[in-house]
């Protein structure tokens, strides 16, 4: 004959375990591949890139480089 007490004790153990797994699965946020950055992070990155672009534009200005080379030659 089947021992139903053993079967029911396993079921009563598995049901709460299953519920806990489902709750944990839903609570863990899975990153969306298209939108994994917040608006603040994107704005911060854009500001950094803009600063770098501005710095490079000022630093690597061909007119300034040419003038600097002329000044170096004239100082000799």
Foldseek 3Di string as FASTA:
>chain_A
DDDVVVVVVVVVVVVVVVVVVVVVVVVDDDADPVDNDDPVVVVVVVVVVVVVVVVCCVVVPVVVVVVVVVVVVVVD
